[in-house]
Amino acid sequence: RYLEEAERSWSTELRIEGMYVAEAGAGDLWIDTADERLALAER
């Protein structure tokens, strides 16, 4: 169930190995990577 829910909310840009999304809205740089999500799904 959690895998299915993750699939529904998983953004396109974080599904491909090597891709990332960076945010810096309030001054704190934060970077999310596709690799981390892919590794957890595989586990």
All heavy atoms as atom14 arrays in JSON, in Angstrom:
{
  "sequence": "RYLEEAERSWSTELRIEGMYVAEAGAGDLWIDTADERLALAER",
  "atom14_mask": [
    [1, 1, 1, 1, 1, 1, 1, 1, 1, 1, 1, 0, 0, 0],
    [1, 1, 1, 1, 1, 1, 1, 1, 1, 1, 1, 1, 0, 0],
    [1, 1, 1, 1, 1, 1, 1, 1, 0, 0, 0, 0, 0, 0],
    [1, 1, 1, 1, 1, 1, 1, 1, 1, 0, 0, 0, 0, 0],
    [1, 1, 1, 1, 1, 1, 1, 1, 1, 0, 0, 0, 0, 0],
    [1, 1, 1, 1, 1, 0, 0, 0, 0, 0, 0, 0, 0, 0],
    [1, 1, 1, 1, 1, 1, 1, 1, 1, 0, 0, 0, 0, 0],
    [1, 1, 1, 1, 1, 1, 1, 1, 1, 1, 1, 0, 0, 0],
    [1, 1, 1, 1, 1, 1, 0, 0, 0, 0, 0, 0, 0, 0],
    [1, 1, 1, 1, 1, 1, 1, 1, 1, 1, 1, 1, 1, 1],
    [1, 1, 1, 1, 1, 1, 0, 0, 0, 0, 0, 0, 0, 0],
    [1, 1, 1, 1, 1, 1, 1, 0, 0, 0, 0, 0, 0, 0],
    [1, 1, 1, 1, 1, 1, 1, 1, 1, 0, 0, 0, 0, 0],
    [1, 1, 1, 1, 1, 1, 1, 1, 0, 0, 0, 0, 0, 0],
    [1, 1, 1, 1, 1, 1, 1, 1, 1, 1, 1, 0, 0, 0],
    [1, 1, 1, 1, 1, 1, 1, 1, 0, 0, 0, 0, 0, 0],
    [1, 1, 1, 1, 1, 1, 1, 1, 1, 0, 0, 0, 0, 0],
    [1, 1, 1, 1, 0, 0, 0, 0, 0, 0, 0, 0, 0, 0],
    [1, 1, 1, 1, 1, 1, 1, 1, 0, 0, 0, 0, 0, 0],
    [1, 1, 1, 1, 1, 1, 1, 1, 1, 1, 1, 1, 0, 0],
    [1, 1, 1, 1, 1, 1, 1, 0, 0, 0, 0, 0, 0, 0],
    [1, 1, 1, 1, 1, 0, 0, 0, 0, 0, 0, 0, 0, 0],
    [1, 1, 1, 1, 1, 1, 1, 1, 1, 0, 0, 0, 0, 0],
    [1, 1, 1, 1, 1, 0, 0, 0, 0, 0, 0, 0, 0, 0],
    [1, 1, 1, 1, 0, 0, 0, 0, 0, 0, 0, 0, 0, 0],
    [1, 1, 1, 1, 1, 0, 0, 0, 0, 0, 0, 0, 0, 0],
    [1, 1, 1, 1, 0, 0, 0, 0, 0, 0, 0, 0, 0, 0],
    [1, 1, 1, 1, 1, 1, 1, 1, 0, 0, 0, 0, 0, 0],
    [1, 1, 1, 1, 1, 1, 1, 1, 0, 0, 0, 0, 0, 0],
    [1, 1, 1, 1, 1, 1, 1, 1, 1, 1, 1, 1, 1, 1],
    [1, 1, 1, 1, 1, 1, 1, 1, 0, 0, 0, 0, 0, 0],
    [1, 1, 1, 1, 1, 1, 1, 1, 0, 0, 0, 0, 0, 0],
    [1, 1, 1, 1, 1, 1, 1, 0, 0, 0, 0, 0, 0, 0],
    [1, 1, 1, 1, 1, 0, 0, 0, 0, 0, 0, 0, 0, 0],
    [1, 1, 1, 1, 1, 1, 1, 1, 0, 0, 0, 0, 0, 0],
    [1, 1, 1, 1, 1, 1, 1, 1, 1, 0, 0, 0, 0, 0],
    [1, 1, 1, 1, 1, 1, 1, 1, 1, 1, 1, 0, 0, 0],
    [1, 1, 1, 1, 1, 1, 1, 1, 0, 0, 0, 0, 0, 0],
    [1, 1, 1, 1, 1, 0, 0, 0, 0, 0, 0, 0, 0, 0],
    [1, 1, 1, 1, 1, 1, 1, 1, 0, 0, 0, 0, 0, 0],
    [1, 1, 1, 1, 1, 0, 0, 0, 0, 0, 0, 0, 0, 0],
    [1, 1, 1, 1, 1, 1, 1, 1, 1, 0, 0, 0, 0, 0],
    [1, 1, 1, 1, 1, 1, 1, 1, 1, 1, 1, 0, 0, 0]
  ],
  "atom14_positions": [
    [[0.84, -1.21, 0.0], [0.0, 0.0, 0.0], [0.87, 1.25, 0.0], [0.6, 2.2, -0.76], [-0.94, -0.02, 1.21], [-1.75, 1.26, 1.39], [-2.88, 1.04, 2.39], [-2.37, 0.55, 3.66], [-1.92, 1.33, 4.65], [-1.89, 2.66, 4.48], [-1.5, 0.81, 5.79], [0.0, 0.0, 0.0], [0.0, 0.0, 0.0], [0.0, 0.0, 0.0]],
    [[1.9, 1.27, 0.83], [2.77, 2.44, 0.88], [3.53, 2.64, -0.44], [3.73, 3.77, -0.89], [3.77, 2.33, 2.04], [3.13, 2.45, 3.4], [3.48, 1.57, 4.43], [2.19, 3.45, 3.68], [2.91, 1.68, 5.69], [1.61, 3.56, 4.94], [1.98, 2.67, 5.95], [1.41, 2.79, 7.19], [0.0, 0.0, 0.0], [0.0, 0.0, 0.0]],
    [[3.91, 1.54, -1.07], [4.56, 1.65, -2.37], [3.62, 2.26, -3.41], [4.01, 3.11, -4.2], [5.05, 0.28, -2.85], [6.44, -0.18, -2.39], [6.69, -1.61, -2.85], [7.52, 0.75, -2.94], [0.0, 0.0, 0.0], [0.0, 0.0, 0.0], [0.0, 0.0, 0.0], [0.0, 0.0, 0.0], [0.0, 0.0, 0.0], [0.0, 0.0, 0.0]],
    [[2.37, 1.8, -3.39], [1.37, 2.33, -4.33], [1.13, 3.81, -4.08], [1.02, 4.61, -5.02], [0.06, 1.55, -4.21], [0.15, 0.13, -4.76], [-1.08, -0.71, -4.45], [-2.02, -0.15, -3.82], [-1.11, -1.9, -4.82], [0.0, 0.0, 0.0], [0.0, 0.0, 0.0], [0.0, 0.0, 0.0], [0.0, 0.0, 0.0], [0.0, 0.0, 0.0]],
    [[1.04, 4.2, -2.8], [0.83, 5.62, -2.46], [2.03, 6.46, -2.9], [1.86, 7.59, -3.38], [0.6, 5.76, -0.96], [-0.75, 5.21, -0.5], [-0.91, 5.24, 1.01], [0.08, 5.58, 1.7], [-2.02, 4.93, 1.49], [0.0, 0.0, 0.0], [0.0, 0.0, 0.0], [0.0, 0.0, 0.0], [0.0, 0.0, 0.0], [0.0, 0.0, 0.0]],
    [[3.23, 5.9, -2.71], [4.44, 6.61, -3.14], [4.44, 6.81, -4.65], [4.79, 7.89, -5.15], [5.68, 5.84, -2.71], [0.0, 0.0, 0.0], [0.0, 0.0, 0.0], [0.0, 0.0, 0.0], [0.0, 0.0, 0.0], [0.0, 0.0, 0.0], [0.0, 0.0, 0.0], [0.0, 0.0, 0.0], [0.0, 0.0, 0.0], [0.0, 0.0, 0.0]],
    [[4.01, 5.8, -5.38], [3.96, 5.89, -6.84], [3.03, 7.02, -7.29], [3.33, 7.74, -8.24], [3.48, 4.56, -7.44], [4.54, 3.47, -7.48], [5.61, 3.76, -8.52], [5.38, 4.57, -9.44], [6.7, 3.16, -8.4], [0.0, 0.0, 0.0], [0.0, 0.0, 0.0], [0.0, 0.0, 0.0], [0.0, 0.0, 0.0], [0.0, 0.0, 0.0]],
    [[1.92, 7.19, -6.58], [0.94, 8.2, -6.98], [1.45, 9.62, -6.74], [1.06, 10.55, -7.46], [-0.38, 7.97, -6.24], [-1.16, 6.75, -6.71], [-2.6, 6.81, -6.25], [-2.73, 6.69, -4.8], [-2.86, 5.54, -4.17], [-2.87, 4.39, -4.85], [-3.0, 5.51, -2.86], [0.0, 0.0, 0.0], [0.0, 0.0, 0.0], [0.0, 0.0, 0.0]],
    [[2.31, 9.8, -5.73], [2.78, 11.15, -5.41], [4.18, 11.44, -5.95], [4.69, 12.55, -5.84], [2.79, 11.36, -3.89], [3.69, 10.46, -3.25], [0.0, 0.0, 0.0], [0.0, 0.0, 0.0], [0.0, 0.0, 0.0], [0.0, 0.0, 0.0], [0.0, 0.0, 0.0], [0.0, 0.0, 0.0], [0.0, 0.0, 0.0], [0.0, 0.0, 0.0]],
    [[4.8, 10.46, -6.59], [6.2, 10.55, -7.03], [6.29, 11.48, -8.24], [5.73, 11.21, -9.3], [6.68, 9.16, -7.4], [8.16, 8.96, -7.39], [9.12, 9.88, -7.66], [8.85, 7.74, -7.1], [10.38, 9.31, -7.56], [10.23, 8.0, -7.21], [8.44, 6.45, -6.77], [11.21, 7.01, -7.01], [9.4, 5.46, -6.56], [10.76, 5.75, -6.68]],
    [[7.02, 12.57, -8.1], [7.14, 13.55, -9.18], [7.98, 13.0, -10.33], [8.92, 12.23, -10.12], [7.76, 14.86, -8.67], [9.07, 14.63, -8.22], [0.0, 0.0, 0.0], [0.0, 0.0, 0.0], [0.0, 0.0, 0.0], [0.0, 0.0, 0.0], [0.0, 0.0, 0.0], [0.0, 0.0, 0.0], [0.0, 0.0, 0.0], [0.0, 0.0, 0.0]],
    [[7.67, 13.44, -11.54], [8.36, 12.95, -12.74], [9.86, 13.22, -12.69], [10.67, 12.36, -13.04], [7.77, 13.63, -13.99], [6.37, 13.37, -14.03], [8.42, 13.09, -15.26], [0.0, 0.0, 0.0], [0.0, 0.0, 0.0], [0.0, 0.0, 0.0], [0.0, 0.0, 0.0], [0.0, 0.0, 0.0], [0.0, 0.0, 0.0], [0.0, 0.0, 0.0]],
    [[10.25, 14.42, -12.23], [11.66, 14.8, -12.25], [12.52, 14.03, -11.25], [13.75, 14.06, -11.32], [11.83, 16.31, -12.03], [11.27, 16.84, -10.74], [9.85, 17.37, -10.87], [9.0, 16.63, -11.39], [9.62, 18.52, -10.45], [0.0, 0.0, 0.0], [0.0, 0.0, 0.0], [0.0, 0.0, 0.0], [0.0, 0.0, 0.0], [0.0, 0.0, 0.0]],
    [[11.87, 13.32, -10.3], [12.64, 12.53, -9.33], [12.46, 11.03, -9.54], [12.64, 10.24, -8.62], [12.25, 12.93, -7.9], [12.72, 14.32, -7.46], [12.2, 14.66, -6.08], [14.25, 14.42, -7.5], [0.0, 0.0, 0.0], [0.0, 0.0, 0.0], [0.0, 0.0, 0.0], [0.0, 0.0, 0.0], [0.0, 0.0, 0.0], [0.0, 0.0, 0.0]],
    [[12.13, 10.65, -10.78], [11.99, 9.23, -11.1], [13.17, 8.69, -11.9], [13.29, 7.49, -12.07], [10.71, 9.01, -11.92], [9.44, 9.08, -11.12], [8.23, 8.86, -12.0], [7.01, 8.81, -11.23], [6.46, 7.71, -10.72], [7.06, 6.55, -10.9], [5.34, 7.76, -10.04], [0.0, 0.0, 0.0], [0.0, 0.0, 0.0], [0.0, 0.0, 0.0]],
    [[14.01, 9.58, -12.4], [15.09, 9.17, -13.3], [16.43, 9.26, -12.58], [16.75, 10.3, -11.97], [15.12, 10.05, -14.56], [13.77, 9.97, -15.28], [16.25, 9.64, -15.5], [13.59, 11.01, -16.37], [0.0, 0.0, 0.0], [0.0, 0.0, 0.0], [0.0, 0.0, 0.0], [0.0, 0.0, 0.0], [0.0, 0.0, 0.0], [0.0, 0.0, 0.0]],
    [[17.22, 8.19, -12.63], [18.5, 8.15, -11.94], [19.35, 9.37, -12.3], [19.46, 9.76, -13.46], [19.25, 6.87, -12.34], [20.54, 6.64, -11.58], [21.19, 5.33, -11.95], [20.54, 4.51, -12.66], [22.34, 5.12, -11.55], [0.0, 0.0, 0.0], [0.0, 0.0, 0.0], [0.0, 0.0, 0.0], [0.0, 0.0, 0.0], [0.0, 0.0, 0.0]],
    [[19.92, 10.0, -11.27], [20.79, 11.15, -11.46], [20.08, 12.49, -11.43], [20.72, 13.54, -11.34], [0.0, 0.0, 0.0], [0.0, 0.0, 0.0], [0.0, 0.0, 0.0], [0.0, 0.0, 0.0], [0.0, 0.0, 0.0], [0.0, 0.0, 0.0], [0.0, 0.0, 0.0], [0.0, 0.0, 0.0], [0.0, 0.0, 0.0], [0.0, 0.0, 0.0]],
    [[18.76, 12.48, -11.48], [18.0, 13.74, -11.46], [17.9, 14.27, -10.04], [17.99, 13.52, -9.07], [16.61, 13.55, -12.05], [16.62, 13.15, -13.52], [17.31, 14.44, -14.58], [15.96, 15.62, -14.57], [0.0, 0.0, 0.0], [0.0, 0.0, 0.0], [0.0, 0.0, 0.0], [0.0, 0.0, 0.0], [0.0, 0.0, 0.0], [0.0, 0.0, 0.0]],
    [[17.68, 15.59, -9.92], [17.55, 16.2, -8.6], [16.66, 17.43, -8.69], [16.44, 17.99, -9.77], [18.92, 16.58, -8.03], [19.55, 17.8, -8.66], [19.43, 19.06, -8.07], [20.27, 17.71, -9.86], [20.0, 20.18, -8.65], [20.84, 18.83, -10.44], [20.71, 20.07, -9.82], [21.27, 21.18, -10.4], [0.0, 0.0, 0.0], [0.0, 0.0, 0.0]],
    [[16.17, 17.86, -7.54], [15.4, 19.1, -7.41], [15.98, 19.87, -6.23], [16.08, 19.33, -5.12], [13.9, 18.83, -7.18], [13.17, 20.13, -6.86], [13.28, 18.14, -8.38], [0.0, 0.0, 0.0], [0.0, 0.0, 0.0], [0.0, 0.0, 0.0], [0.0, 0.0, 0.0], [0.0, 0.0, 0.0], [0.0, 0.0, 0.0], [0.0, 0.0, 0.0]],
    [[16.37, 21.12, -6.46], [16.92, 21.97, -5.4], [15.91, 23.05, -5.05], [15.21, 23.56, -5.91], [18.24, 22.6, -5.84], [0.0, 0.0, 0.0], [0.0, 0.0, 0.0], [0.0, 0.0, 0.0], [0.0, 0.0, 0.0], [0.0, 0.0, 0.0], [0.0, 0.0, 0.0], [0.0, 0.0, 0.0], [0.0, 0.0, 0.0], [0.0, 0.0, 0.0]],
    [[15.85, 23.38, -3.75], [14.99, 24.44, -3.26], [15.81, 25.4, -2.42], [16.76, 24.99, -1.75], [13.86, 23.88, -2.39], [12.94, 22.91, -3.09], [11.93, 22.3, -2.13], [11.67, 22.93, -1.08], [11.44, 21.2, -2.42], [0.0, 0.0, 0.0], [0.0, 0.0, 0.0], [0.0, 0.0, 0.0], [0.0, 0.0, 0.0], [0.0, 0.0, 0.0]],
    [[15.44, 26.68, -2.45], [16.13, 27.67, -1.62], [15.19, 28.81, -1.27], [15.59, 29.96, -1.18], [17.36, 28.2, -2.34], [0.0, 0.0, 0.0], [0.0, 0.0, 0.0], [0.0, 0.0, 0.0], [0.0, 0.0, 0.0], [0.0, 0.0, 0.0], [0.0, 0.0, 0.0], [0.0, 0.0, 0.0], [0.0, 0.0, 0.0], [0.0, 0.0, 0.0]],
    [[13.93, 28.47, -1.04], [12.92, 29.5, -0.85], [13.17, 30.44, 0.31], [13.03, 31.64, 0.19], [0.0, 0.0, 0.0], [0.0, 0.0, 0.0], [0.0, 0.0, 0.0], [0.0, 0.0, 0.0], [0.0, 0.0, 0.0], [0.0, 0.0, 0.0], [0.0, 0.0, 0.0], [0.0, 0.0, 0.0], [0.0, 0.0, 0.0], [0.0, 0.0, 0.0]],
    [[13.51, 29.9, 1.48], [13.68, 30.74, 2.67], [15.14, 30.94, 3.04], [15.46, 31.36, 4.13], [12.91, 30.13, 3.84], [0.0, 0.0, 0.0], [0.0, 0.0, 0.0], [0.0, 0.0, 0.0], [0.0, 0.0, 0.0], [0.0, 0.0, 0.0], [0.0, 0.0, 0.0], [0.0, 0.0, 0.0], [0.0, 0.0, 0.0], [0.0, 0.0, 0.0]],
    [[16.03, 30.62, 2.12], [17.45, 30.84, 2.38], [18.22, 29.58, 2.71], [19.44, 29.6, 2.79], [0.0, 0.0, 0.0], [0.0, 0.0, 0.0], [0.0, 0.0, 0.0], [0.0, 0.0, 0.0], [0.0, 0.0, 0.0], [0.0, 0.0, 0.0], [0.0, 0.0, 0.0], [0.0, 0.0, 0.0], [0.0, 0.0, 0.0], [0.0, 0.0, 0.0]],
    [[17.52, 28.47, 2.91], [18.18, 27.21, 3.24], [18.18, 26.31, 2.02], [17.13, 25.81, 1.6], [17.44, 26.51, 4.39], [17.35, 27.37, 5.63], [18.33, 28.06, 5.93], [16.3, 27.36, 6.28], [0.0, 0.0, 0.0], [0.0, 0.0, 0.0], [0.0, 0.0, 0.0], [0.0, 0.0, 0.0], [0.0, 0.0, 0.0], [0.0, 0.0, 0.0]],
    [[19.35, 26.08, 1.45], [19.45, 25.2, 0.29], [19.13, 23.77, 0.7], [19.64, 23.26, 1.71], [20.86, 25.27, -0.3], [21.12, 24.4, -1.54], [20.21, 24.8, -2.69], [22.59, 24.5, -1.95], [0.0, 0.0, 0.0], [0.0, 0.0, 0.0], [0.0, 0.0, 0.0], [0.0, 0.0, 0.0], [0.0, 0.0, 0.0], [0.0, 0.0, 0.0]],
    [[18.28, 23.13, -0.07], [17.92, 21.73, 0.17], [17.84, 21.05, -1.18], [17.24, 21.59, -2.12], [16.58, 21.61, 0.89], [16.21, 20.18, 1.2], [15.49, 19.34, 0.42], [16.57, 19.45, 2.37], [15.36, 18.11, 1.03], [16.02, 18.16, 2.23], [17.3, 19.75, 3.52], [16.18, 17.16, 3.2], [17.45, 18.77, 4.49], [16.9, 17.49, 4.32]],
    [[18.43, 19.85, -1.29], [18.46, 19.14, -2.57], [17.91, 17.74, -2.39], [18.41, 16.96, -1.56], [19.89, 19.09, -3.14], [20.43, 20.52, -3.33], [19.9, 18.34, -4.48], [21.87, 20.58, -3.81], [0.0, 0.0, 0.0], [0.0, 0.0, 0.0], [0.0, 0.0, 0.0], [0.0, 0.0, 0.0], [0.0, 0.0, 0.0], [0.0, 0.0, 0.0]],
    [[16.87, 17.42, -3.14], [16.3, 16.08, -3.17], [16.77, 15.36, -4.43], [16.82, 15.97, -5.51], [14.77, 16.13, -3.17], [14.19, 16.4, -1.79], [14.7, 15.82, -0.82], [13.23, 17.18, -1.69], [0.0, 0.0, 0.0], [0.0, 0.0, 0.0], [0.0, 0.0, 0.0], [0.0, 0.0, 0.0], [0.0, 0.0, 0.0], [0.0, 0.0, 0.0]],
    [[17.11, 14.08, -4.31], [17.6, 13.33, -5.46], [16.69, 12.15, -5.79], [16.05, 11.56, -4.92], [19.02, 12.79, -5.2], [18.97, 11.77, -4.19], [19.96, 13.91, -4.77], [0.0, 0.0, 0.0], [0.0, 0.0, 0.0], [0.0, 0.0, 0.0], [0.0, 0.0, 0.0], [0.0, 0.0, 0.0], [0.0, 0.0, 0.0], [0.0, 0.0, 0.0]],
    [[16.67, 11.82, -7.07], [15.93, 10.64, -7.52], [16.6, 9.37, -6.98], [15.91, 8.41, -6.62], [15.89, 10.6, -9.04], [0.0, 0.0, 0.0], [0.0, 0.0, 0.0], [0.0, 0.0, 0.0], [0.0, 0.0, 0.0], [0.0, 0.0, 0.0], [0.0, 0.0, 0.0], [0.0, 0.0, 0.0], [0.0, 0.0, 0.0], [0.0, 0.0, 0.0]],
    [[17.92, 9.37, -6.89], [18.65, 8.16, -6.5], [18.22, 7.66, -5.12], [18.08, 6.45, -4.89], [20.16, 8.41, -6.5], [20.7, 8.63, -7.9], [19.9, 8.59, -8.87], [21.91, 8.86, -8.05], [0.0, 0.0, 0.0], [0.0, 0.0, 0.0], [0.0, 0.0, 0.0], [0.0, 0.0, 0.0], [0.0, 0.0, 0.0], [0.0, 0.0, 0.0]],
    [[18.0, 8.6, -4.19], [17.6, 8.19, -2.84], [16.24, 7.52, -2.86], [16.03, 6.49, -2.2], [17.57, 9.43, -1.94], [17.36, 9.11, -0.47], [17.46, 10.34, 0.41], [17.24, 11.46, -0.09], [17.74, 10.17, 1.61], [0.0, 0.0, 0.0], [0.0, 0.0, 0.0], [0.0, 0.0, 0.0], [0.0, 0.0, 0.0], [0.0, 0.0, 0.0]],
    [[15.32, 8.05, -3.63], [13.99, 7.46, -3.72], [14.02, 6.1, -4.42], [13.37, 5.15, -3.98], [13.06, 8.43, -4.46], [12.65, 9.6, -3.6], [12.36, 10.86, -4.39], [12.02, 11.97, -3.5], [12.9, 12.6, -2.73], [14.19, 12.26, -2.75], [12.52, 13.57, -1.91], [0.0, 0.0, 0.0], [0.0, 0.0, 0.0], [0.0, 0.0, 0.0]],
    [[14.79, 6.02, -5.48], [14.9, 4.75, -6.21], [15.5, 3.66, -5.32], [15.07, 2.5, -5.36], [15.74, 4.94, -7.46], [15.11, 5.83, -8.54], [16.15, 6.21, -9.61], [13.91, 5.13, -9.19], [0.0, 0.0, 0.0], [0.0, 0.0, 0.0], [0.0, 0.0, 0.0], [0.0, 0.0, 0.0], [0.0, 0.0, 0.0], [0.0, 0.0, 0.0]],
    [[16.49, 4.03, -4.5], [17.13, 3.05, -3.61], [16.16, 2.54, -2.55], [16.13, 1.33, -2.24], [18.36, 3.66, -2.95], [0.0, 0.0, 0.0], [0.0, 0.0, 0.0], [0.0, 0.0, 0.0], [0.0, 0.0, 0.0], [0.0, 0.0, 0.0], [0.0, 0.0, 0.0], [0.0, 0.0, 0.0], [0.0, 0.0, 0.0], [0.0, 0.0, 0.0]],
    [[15.34, 3.43, -2.0], [14.36, 3.01, -0.99], [13.29, 2.11, -1.61], [12.88, 1.11, -1.0], [13.72, 4.24, -0.35], [14.56, 4.99, 0.68], [13.94, 6.35, 0.98], [14.71, 4.17, 1.97], [0.0, 0.0, 0.0], [0.0, 0.0, 0.0], [0.0, 0.0, 0.0], [0.0, 0.0, 0.0], [0.0, 0.0, 0.0], [0.0, 0.0, 0.0]],
    [[12.84, 2.47, -2.81], [11.84, 1.64, -3.48], [12.39, 0.25, -3.77], [11.71, -0.76, -3.56], [11.39, 2.32, -4.78], [0.0, 0.0, 0.0], [0.0, 0.0, 0.0], [0.0, 0.0, 0.0], [0.0, 0.0, 0.0], [0.0, 0.0, 0.0], [0.0, 0.0, 0.0], [0.0, 0.0, 0.0], [0.0, 0.0, 0.0], [0.0, 0.0, 0.0]],
    [[13.64, 0.19, -4.22], [14.28, -1.11, -4.49], [14.43, -1.92, -3.22], [14.23, -3.14, -3.22], [15.64, -0.88, -5.16], [16.37, -2.16, -5.55], [15.6, -3.01, -6.55], [14.71, -2.49, -7.25], [15.91, -4.23, -6.62], [0.0, 0.0, 0.0], [0.0, 0.0, 0.0], [0.0, 0.0, 0.0], [0.0, 0.0, 0.0], [0.0, 0.0, 0.0]],
    [[14.78, -1.26, -2.12], [14.92, -1.97, -0.84], [13.59, -2.59, -0.43], [13.55, -3.76, 0.0], [15.39, -0.99, 0.24], [15.51, -1.59, 1.63], [16.21, -0.64, 2.59], [16.27, -1.19, 3.93], [17.01, -0.69, 4.91], [17.76, 0.39, 4.69], [17.02, -1.25, 6.13], [0.0, 0.0, 0.0], [0.0, 0.0, 0.0], [0.0, 0.0, 0.0]]
  ]
}
